[in-house]
Each structure stands twice: as C-alpha cells, then as structure tokens.
Amino acid sequence: MTDVKKLVEVINLKKYFPIAGGLFQRTKRAVKAVDGISFDIYEGETLGMVGESGCGKSTAGRAILQLHKPTSGQVLYKGRDLTQLSSAELRAQRPDMQMIFQDPYATLNPRHSVRKIVGEPLVINGKMKKGSLELKDRVAELLELVGMNPAYMKRFPHEFSGGQRQRIGIARVLSLNPKFIVCDEPISALDVSIQAQVVNLMQDLQEQFGMAYLFIAHDLSMVKHISHRIVVMYLGKIMEMTDRNTLFDDPLHPYTQSLNSAVPIPNPEIEITRTRFILEGDPPSPANPPSGCVFHTRCPLVTEECITVEPQFREITPGHFVACHLANTTGGSKIFIPDSKKEPS
C-alpha cells in the first residue's frame, strides 16, 4: 500500500477508564482498554481488527473517531490530529468519518421513519432542507444503493429484519459521503445467512466510492474475506499485523496461531487431520495486566524474558509486524507450535 496515501495514522493510542476507588484506597486504578497501539489505514483500504471479547477492539474504534476521548496518543486524519481539535472543529470533520454500529436493533430510533433516519444527517449538517423534495430523492437514492426499495421510506424500524435494519444504518452512514468508516462488528448480530450479504454490500460500496474501513469482528474467516491487512489485538495491545494471506499462512505470534486453529476448514478431510493449538486459562484483567508480554500467562513458549520485558512491536519482514521476543526473520508458524501443545480436532 506504499503507493497509496495514508488516510488515518494512529500513534501510541491509549484509552484508560478510571476505576472508582474505595474509601481507604489511595492508589488510582484504571482499566487499560487500549494500551499504546499504532497503525496506519490507507485510502480505499480495509484494515481488519480481530481478538477476543474485551481486548479493546471496539474501544479502539471509538477512540479513533473521538467518541471516547483518548487518554493519550495521536489520531491523524489526513495529517490533522483529531485529538487536538475543538468541539466545533471536530463536528465539522464528522461527515468524513462515520461508524456502523454493532446492533441494528438499538441504533435506529423506533419513533422515526426510515426517511427521517436516513435523511437526518443531511439536515443536521445543513446539506439539505427538512421536508424538501431534494431530501426525499436523496433518501430514495441511498436506499436503492443498499439494495432496499425506496417505497420503504415511510416505514419504521420494527417492520424490518435485522439485515434490513443494518442496511438502513449503512444508508444513513453513506448519506454524508464519508471517506473513512469504522465498522464495529457490523454483522455479529445478524443471522449467518445474512452476514455474507451485508459484507458483500460493503465491498461493493467500497469499490464504488473508494472508502476506507476499519472492520472490527470476531469471525476470522469473514475478516480475511473483506480485509487487505489484519491487526490482531490482545488485552489492549497489538500482537501482530500483516496482510491477510500472510497472517493465515505464516503467523508469527502464538496467539495468532491459536486464533487461526479455531477457524473451521470446509474440507472435511483436512479438518479431521489437522491439529489444534488450544490456549489454557482465561485472559487477565485489563485493570491489572501482567508484566512483560501481556500474553505470557497463556503462552506455551513463555520464557523469563517474556515475563519481565515487554516485547517491542517491530517489523520482522516487510509489512509484517509482531510483538514477540521469539519472532525472527526465519521464524514461521511451524516453529512456534510445540507437539506437546497440539491437540487433535
């Protein structure tokens, strides 16, 4: 992506949520939801973000859009630091940056018609006048764009299925012609049969309008399908980042390998013979992360260095970044999975 311009630059972004202390508690504690992450997103690119629940994916997306005020770090959009903008300046920047939320049942006002839901951003931002014929035509155009009948604009959210509601949400996002969209698990609340339709729609829209996506999800196979590059997060930190094919074919971090081994393979002959890399234990609390590498409490290859020294997030091969002491230029997925930790499917 070196020949394409950077659209978003995230530099050492942190978001801590303070924990209310007791009467006699003097030390201040905080949940380190996002703890020093850095990456770039290029024009027209989809950057996937995966990890377990509670790893900080959604918080990272909201902090990038300044829906959560970052504790520290920078978020540059076209070279402009969003963290330093005033409320008025940030509001003027909003049309370029939008968000597709996870739950289509909770993000649409049940008292508003589809026409008002989709057209409201245009009215609020002074693009069109409320009740105008121009606004009605634009709403109809947006509904057609996401594969819905314009005649539905008089209906209300409760009259639609989950997939249709998410399409309405996407139409609302597109109304302001954004250049960057954070997709916060946009398909997790949908039926499996509908998920592929929504993802394919998003890909078609990206090809048509050249938008950049930060696509947050749990489903690795779906992330691989839609993303150009993928970020793997664990306990508020980035473990690995590279292009989608390399991440699945030659992962360098043990955590990435464990995630890959959980993805089912459609071919039953391969699925029955492959091995699984199963992690033991639960993720630590982000309010009290472990020293050194945050993954060391569950890593089968943990060393003394892993316990005491935090690994640098560094580039191992061109475009392939990993935060692991054991990763090197000759390393690959085969050297990391010990036979004693493999289990049959």
Protein backbone atom coordinates (compact mmCIF):
# COMPACT_ATOMS: atom_id res chain seq x y z
CA MET A 1 0.00 0.00 0.00
CA THR A 2 3.05 2.25 -0.19
CA ASP A 3 1.86 3.89 -3.41
CA VAL A 4 -1.44 4.87 -1.76
CA LYS A 5 -1.81 7.83 0.58
CA LYS A 6 -2.25 7.34 4.31
CA LEU A 7 -5.71 8.37 5.40
CA VAL A 8 -5.54 7.60 9.13
CA GLU A 9 -2.45 7.34 11.34
CA VAL A 10 -2.88 6.00 14.87
CA ILE A 11 0.18 6.72 17.03
CA ASN A 12 0.62 5.18 20.51
CA LEU A 13 -3.11 5.46 21.23
CA LYS A 14 -4.21 4.78 24.81
CA LYS A 15 -7.62 4.76 26.41
CA TYR A 16 -7.87 4.08 30.14
CA PHE A 17 -11.12 4.03 32.09
CA PRO A 18 -10.63 5.03 35.75
CA ILE A 19 -11.94 2.71 38.44
CA ALA A 20 -13.68 4.33 41.37
CA GLY A 21 -11.67 3.53 44.48
CA GLY A 22 -12.94 2.66 47.93
CA LEU A 23 -12.89 4.92 50.95
CA PHE A 24 -9.36 3.89 52.01
CA GLN A 25 -7.90 3.23 48.56
CA ARG A 26 -5.20 5.78 47.79
CA THR A 27 -3.76 4.48 44.53
CA LYS A 28 -5.72 5.24 41.39
CA ARG A 29 -6.55 2.26 39.20
CA ALA A 30 -7.75 2.12 35.62
CA VAL A 31 -8.93 -0.38 33.03
CA LYS A 32 -6.36 -0.24 30.24
CA ALA A 33 -8.78 -0.91 27.41
CA VAL A 34 -6.38 0.33 24.71
CA ASP A 35 -2.74 0.47 25.71
CA GLY A 36 -0.40 2.07 23.18
CA ILE A 37 -1.42 0.86 19.73
CA SER A 38 -0.07 2.22 16.43
CA PHE A 39 -1.05 1.54 12.82
CA ASP A 40 -1.97 3.25 9.55
CA ILE A 41 -5.02 2.96 7.31
CA TYR A 42 -4.67 3.84 3.64
CA GLU A 43 -7.18 5.31 1.22
CA GLY A 44 -9.56 2.66 -0.11
CA GLU A 45 -8.18 0.01 2.25
CA THR A 46 -9.95 -2.29 4.68
CA LEU A 47 -7.96 -2.93 7.85
CA GLY A 48 -9.41 -5.82 9.82
CA MET A 49 -9.16 -5.91 13.61
CA VAL A 50 -9.67 -9.18 15.49
CA GLY A 51 -9.27 -10.52 19.01
CA GLU A 52 -11.20 -11.94 21.94
CA SER A 53 -14.07 -10.13 23.61
CA GLY A 54 -12.71 -7.42 25.91
CA CYS A 55 -9.42 -7.00 24.05
CA GLY A 56 -10.17 -3.35 23.22
CA LYS A 57 -11.28 -3.54 19.58
CA SER A 58 -14.47 -1.52 19.89
CA THR A 59 -12.86 0.96 22.30
CA ALA A 60 -10.06 1.50 19.78
CA GLY A 61 -12.56 2.22 17.01
CA ARG A 62 -14.48 4.69 19.15
CA ALA A 63 -11.29 6.37 20.37
CA ILE A 64 -10.12 6.83 16.78
CA LEU A 65 -13.38 8.65 15.97
CA GLN A 66 -13.14 10.58 19.26
CA LEU A 67 -16.38 9.09 20.56
CA HIS A 68 -14.16 8.15 23.50
CA LYS A 69 -11.63 10.84 24.33
CA PRO A 70 -8.21 9.13 24.22
CA THR A 71 -6.11 9.14 27.39
CA SER A 72 -3.04 9.86 25.26
CA GLY A 73 -1.64 9.37 21.78
CA GLN A 74 -2.47 10.82 18.39
CA VAL A 75 -5.01 10.10 15.68
CA LEU A 76 -4.12 11.83 12.43
CA TYR A 77 -6.78 12.09 9.74
CA LYS A 78 -5.24 13.40 6.52
CA GLY A 79 -2.38 14.69 8.68
CA ARG A 80 -4.65 16.54 11.12
CA ASP A 81 -4.55 15.45 14.76
CA LEU A 82 -8.15 14.79 15.81
CA THR A 83 -7.21 14.70 19.49
CA GLN A 84 -6.29 18.39 19.37
CA LEU A 85 -9.43 19.68 17.66
CA SER A 86 -12.04 21.76 19.43
CA SER A 87 -15.64 20.53 19.57
CA ALA A 88 -16.61 22.79 16.68
CA GLU A 89 -13.65 21.68 14.56
CA LEU A 90 -14.35 18.04 15.31
CA ARG A 91 -18.00 18.43 14.40
CA ALA A 92 -17.00 19.95 11.06
CA GLN A 93 -14.80 16.89 10.47
CA ARG A 94 -17.53 14.37 11.35
CA PRO A 95 -19.09 13.97 7.87
CA ASP A 96 -15.82 12.44 6.62
CA MET A 97 -15.69 9.87 9.43
CA GLN A 98 -18.64 7.66 10.25
CA MET A 99 -19.40 4.49 12.19
CA ILE A 100 -21.53 1.42 11.54
CA PHE A 101 -22.59 0.12 14.92
CA GLN A 102 -22.90 -3.46 16.05
CA ASP A 103 -26.57 -3.72 16.95
CA PRO A 104 -29.03 -2.67 14.21
CA TYR A 105 -31.87 -3.10 16.71
CA ALA A 106 -30.51 -0.44 19.07
CA THR A 107 -29.06 2.16 16.69
CA LEU A 108 -32.24 3.12 14.84
CA ASN A 109 -34.77 5.37 16.60
CA PRO A 110 -38.02 3.35 16.74
CA ARG A 111 -40.09 6.56 16.64
CA HIS A 112 -38.58 7.75 13.37
CA SER A 113 -39.43 6.63 9.86
CA VAL A 114 -36.71 5.36 7.53
CA ARG A 115 -36.95 8.62 5.61
CA LYS A 116 -36.11 10.64 8.72
CA ILE A 117 -33.41 8.21 9.93
CA VAL A 118 -31.51 8.24 6.64
CA GLY A 119 -32.09 11.91 5.86
CA GLU A 120 -31.41 13.36 9.32
CA PRO A 121 -27.60 13.64 8.89
CA LEU A 122 -28.14 15.73 5.76
CA VAL A 123 -30.49 18.07 7.62
CA ILE A 124 -28.29 18.37 10.73
CA ASN A 125 -25.21 19.17 8.65
CA GLY A 126 -27.09 21.75 6.57
CA LYS A 127 -26.75 19.83 3.30
CA MET A 128 -30.49 19.78 2.55
CA LYS A 129 -33.68 21.25 3.98
CA LYS A 130 -36.06 19.20 6.06
CA GLY A 131 -39.11 18.07 4.08
CA SER A 132 -37.69 19.09 0.73
CA LEU A 133 -38.18 17.07 -2.43
CA GLU A 134 -34.41 17.02 -2.85
CA LEU A 135 -34.04 15.28 0.52
CA LYS A 136 -36.70 12.70 -0.38
CA ASP A 137 -34.96 11.92 -3.65
CA ARG A 138 -31.60 11.56 -1.89
CA VAL A 139 -33.07 9.14 0.68
CA ALA A 140 -34.60 7.09 -2.14
CA GLU A 141 -31.23 7.02 -3.90
CA LEU A 142 -29.46 5.86 -0.73
CA LEU A 143 -31.98 3.09 -0.10
CA GLU A 144 -31.54 1.82 -3.64
CA LEU A 145 -27.79 1.94 -3.12
CA VAL A 146 -28.02 -0.53 -0.23
CA GLY A 147 -30.48 -2.79 -2.03
CA MET A 148 -33.75 -1.63 -0.49
CA ASN A 149 -36.99 -0.48 -2.05
CA PRO A 150 -37.40 3.34 -1.81
CA ALA A 151 -41.07 2.74 -1.06
CA TYR A 152 -39.96 1.54 2.40
CA MET A 153 -39.00 5.06 3.48
CA LYS A 154 -42.34 5.60 5.21
CA ARG A 155 -41.95 2.51 7.34
CA PHE A 156 -40.47 2.22 10.85
CA PRO A 157 -37.56 0.09 12.12
CA HIS A 158 -39.74 -2.56 13.80
CA GLU A 159 -41.11 -3.51 10.37
CA PHE A 160 -37.72 -4.76 9.14
CA SER A 161 -35.46 -7.74 9.73
CA GLY A 162 -32.01 -7.41 11.27
CA GLY A 163 -30.26 -7.45 7.91
CA GLN A 164 -32.60 -4.78 6.54
CA ARG A 165 -32.05 -2.60 9.61
CA GLN A 166 -28.30 -2.84 9.14
CA ARG A 167 -28.74 -1.80 5.50
CA ILE A 168 -30.71 1.22 6.71
CA GLY A 169 -27.86 2.04 9.08
CA ILE A 170 -25.37 1.78 6.22
CA ALA A 171 -27.55 4.06 4.08
CA ARG A 172 -27.53 6.63 6.89
CA VAL A 173 -23.73 6.44 7.10
CA LEU A 174 -23.38 6.90 3.33
CA SER A 175 -25.59 9.99 3.28
CA LEU A 176 -22.65 12.30 4.01
CA ASN A 177 -20.21 10.62 1.58
CA PRO A 178 -17.63 9.66 4.23
CA LYS A 179 -14.05 8.75 3.36
CA PHE A 180 -13.44 6.61 6.47
CA ILE A 181 -15.86 4.24 8.23
CA VAL A 182 -15.33 2.30 11.45
CA CYS A 183 -17.35 -0.91 11.23
CA ASP A 184 -17.85 -2.09 14.80
CA GLU A 185 -18.79 -5.76 14.42
CA PRO A 186 -21.50 -4.85 11.89
CA ILE A 187 -22.54 -8.45 11.22
CA SER A 188 -22.26 -10.12 14.63
CA ALA A 189 -25.93 -9.54 15.48
CA LEU A 190 -27.15 -10.90 12.14
CA ASP A 191 -28.08 -14.39 11.00
CA VAL A 192 -25.26 -16.26 9.28
CA SER A 193 -27.25 -16.34 6.05
CA ILE A 194 -27.44 -12.54 6.07
CA GLN A 195 -23.86 -11.80 7.10
CA ALA A 196 -22.35 -12.56 3.70
CA GLN A 197 -24.91 -10.30 2.00
CA VAL A 198 -24.02 -7.34 4.21
CA VAL A 199 -20.26 -7.90 3.80
CA ASN A 200 -20.60 -8.19 0.03
CA LEU A 201 -22.64 -4.98 0.02
CA MET A 202 -19.90 -3.20 1.94
CA GLN A 203 -17.28 -4.41 -0.51
CA ASP A 204 -19.36 -3.23 -3.47
CA LEU A 205 -19.81 0.19 -1.88
CA GLN A 206 -16.08 0.43 -1.18
CA GLU A 207 -15.27 -0.32 -4.83
CA GLN A 208 -17.81 2.26 -5.94
CA PHE A 209 -16.87 5.12 -3.60
CA GLY A 210 -13.30 4.31 -2.53
CA MET A 211 -13.94 4.47 1.23
CA ALA A 212 -11.54 3.10 3.83
CA TYR A 213 -12.82 0.71 6.50
CA LEU A 214 -11.63 -0.30 9.95
CA PHE A 215 -13.50 -3.60 10.12
CA ILE A 216 -13.81 -4.94 13.69
CA ALA A 217 -15.04 -8.51 14.08
CA HIS A 218 -14.68 -11.86 15.83
CA ASP A 219 -15.10 -14.02 12.74
CA LEU A 220 -11.61 -14.51 11.30
CA SER A 221 -12.85 -16.07 8.07
CA MET A 222 -15.07 -13.06 7.40
CA VAL A 223 -12.25 -10.65 8.28
CA LYS A 224 -9.96 -12.49 5.86
CA HIS A 225 -12.61 -12.20 3.15
CA ILE A 226 -13.06 -8.44 3.39
CA SER A 227 -9.70 -7.13 4.70
CA HIS A 228 -6.48 -6.19 2.94
CA ARG A 229 -4.46 -6.20 6.17
CA ILE A 230 -5.32 -7.50 9.64
CA VAL A 231 -4.47 -6.36 13.18
CA VAL A 232 -4.60 -8.93 15.99
CA MET A 233 -5.26 -7.47 19.45
CA TYR A 234 -4.93 -8.97 22.91
CA LEU A 235 -5.55 -7.19 26.22
CA GLY A 236 -5.40 -3.70 24.70
CA LYS A 237 -2.23 -4.27 22.68
CA ILE A 238 -1.44 -5.28 19.10
CA MET A 239 0.17 -8.72 18.88
CA GLU A 240 0.58 -8.95 15.12
CA MET A 241 -0.20 -7.02 11.95
CA THR A 242 0.32 -8.03 8.32
CA ASP A 243 -1.59 -8.71 5.10
CA ARG A 244 -4.42 -11.20 5.25
CA ASN A 245 -2.71 -14.04 3.38
CA THR A 246 0.47 -13.90 5.45
CA LEU A 247 -1.49 -13.77 8.69
CA PHE A 248 -3.25 -17.04 7.88
CA ASP A 249 -0.43 -18.81 6.01
CA ASP A 250 2.55 -17.85 8.19
CA PRO A 251 1.52 -16.32 11.54
CA LEU A 252 4.42 -15.49 13.85
CA HIS A 253 2.69 -14.88 17.17
CA PRO A 254 1.42 -17.85 19.25
CA TYR A 255 -1.84 -16.01 19.91
CA THR A 256 -2.47 -15.55 16.18
CA GLN A 257 -1.79 -19.24 15.66
CA SER A 258 -4.35 -20.17 18.29
CA LEU A 259 -6.96 -17.96 16.61
CA ASN A 260 -6.18 -19.49 13.22
CA SER A 261 -6.53 -23.02 14.55
CA ALA A 262 -10.06 -22.18 15.74
CA VAL A 263 -11.24 -21.34 12.22
CA PRO A 264 -13.07 -24.36 10.72
CA ILE A 265 -11.87 -25.65 7.35
CA PRO A 266 -14.64 -26.51 4.84
CA ASN A 267 -12.76 -29.59 3.57
CA PRO A 268 -13.64 -32.45 5.98
CA GLU A 269 -10.56 -34.48 5.02
CA ILE A 270 -8.24 -31.64 6.04
CA GLU A 271 -10.32 -30.67 9.07
CA ILE A 272 -10.20 -34.14 10.60
CA THR A 273 -6.42 -34.48 10.25
CA ARG A 274 -5.27 -31.02 11.30
CA THR A 275 -4.12 -30.14 14.80
CA ARG A 276 -5.50 -27.51 17.13
CA PHE A 277 -3.46 -25.01 19.15
CA ILE A 278 -5.60 -24.60 22.25
CA LEU A 279 -4.78 -21.98 24.88
CA GLU A 280 -5.16 -22.67 28.57
CA GLY A 281 -6.67 -20.30 31.11
CA ASP A 282 -8.52 -17.01 30.70
CA PRO A 283 -7.26 -13.58 29.62
CA PRO A 284 -6.02 -11.45 32.55
CA SER A 285 -7.96 -8.41 33.69
CA PRO A 286 -7.17 -5.20 31.77
CA ALA A 287 -7.34 -3.47 35.14
CA ASN A 288 -4.30 -5.47 36.26
CA PRO A 289 -2.37 -6.59 33.16
CA PRO A 290 0.65 -8.86 33.67
CA SER A 291 4.22 -7.59 33.45
CA GLY A 292 6.33 -8.10 30.35
CA CYS A 293 4.37 -9.59 27.47
CA VAL A 294 0.66 -9.45 28.32
CA PHE A 295 0.21 -12.85 26.66
CA HIS A 296 2.83 -14.67 28.75
CA THR A 297 0.29 -16.08 31.25
CA ARG A 298 -1.25 -18.22 28.48
CA CYS A 299 1.69 -18.72 26.14
CA PRO A 300 3.11 -22.29 25.95
CA LEU A 301 6.54 -20.94 24.97
CA VAL A 302 6.92 -18.40 27.76
CA THR A 303 10.47 -17.54 28.84
CA GLU A 304 11.89 -15.44 31.67
CA GLU A 305 12.33 -12.58 29.22
CA CYS A 306 8.63 -12.75 28.31
CA ILE A 307 7.68 -12.36 31.98
CA THR A 308 9.92 -9.37 32.70
CA VAL A 309 10.42 -7.50 29.41
CA GLU A 310 7.64 -6.15 27.22
CA PRO A 311 8.33 -7.09 23.58
CA GLN A 312 8.63 -4.33 21.02
CA PHE A 313 6.11 -4.20 18.22
CA ARG A 314 8.58 -4.47 15.37
CA GLU A 315 8.77 -5.27 11.66
CA ILE A 316 10.11 -8.78 11.11
CA THR A 317 9.74 -8.91 7.34
CA PRO A 318 8.44 -6.13 5.04
CA GLY A 319 4.92 -5.27 6.16
CA HIS A 320 4.82 -7.98 8.84
CA PHE A 321 4.86 -6.59 12.40
CA VAL A 322 4.77 -8.66 15.58
CA ALA A 323 5.22 -8.16 19.33
CA CYS A 324 7.01 -11.35 20.37
CA HIS A 325 10.52 -11.98 21.68
CA LEU A 326 10.69 -15.30 19.84
CA ALA A 327 9.82 -13.96 16.39
CA ASN A 328 12.66 -13.62 13.91
CA THR A 329 13.24 -13.39 10.19
CA THR A 330 13.46 -17.17 9.80
CA GLY A 331 10.55 -17.92 12.10
CA GLY A 332 7.20 -19.18 10.94
CA SER A 333 4.12 -20.85 12.24
CA LYS A 334 5.77 -24.29 12.37
CA ILE A 335 8.47 -23.32 14.86
CA PHE A 336 6.04 -21.93 17.41
CA ILE A 337 3.60 -24.76 17.99
CA PRO A 338 5.22 -27.47 20.16
CA ASP A 339 3.92 -31.01 19.64
CA SER A 340 3.04 -31.32 23.31
CA LYS A 341 0.58 -28.46 23.00
CA LYS A 342 -1.14 -29.73 19.86
CA GLU A 343 -4.48 -31.44 20.19
CA PRO A 344 -6.44 -33.27 17.50
CA SER A 345 -9.57 -31.67 16.12
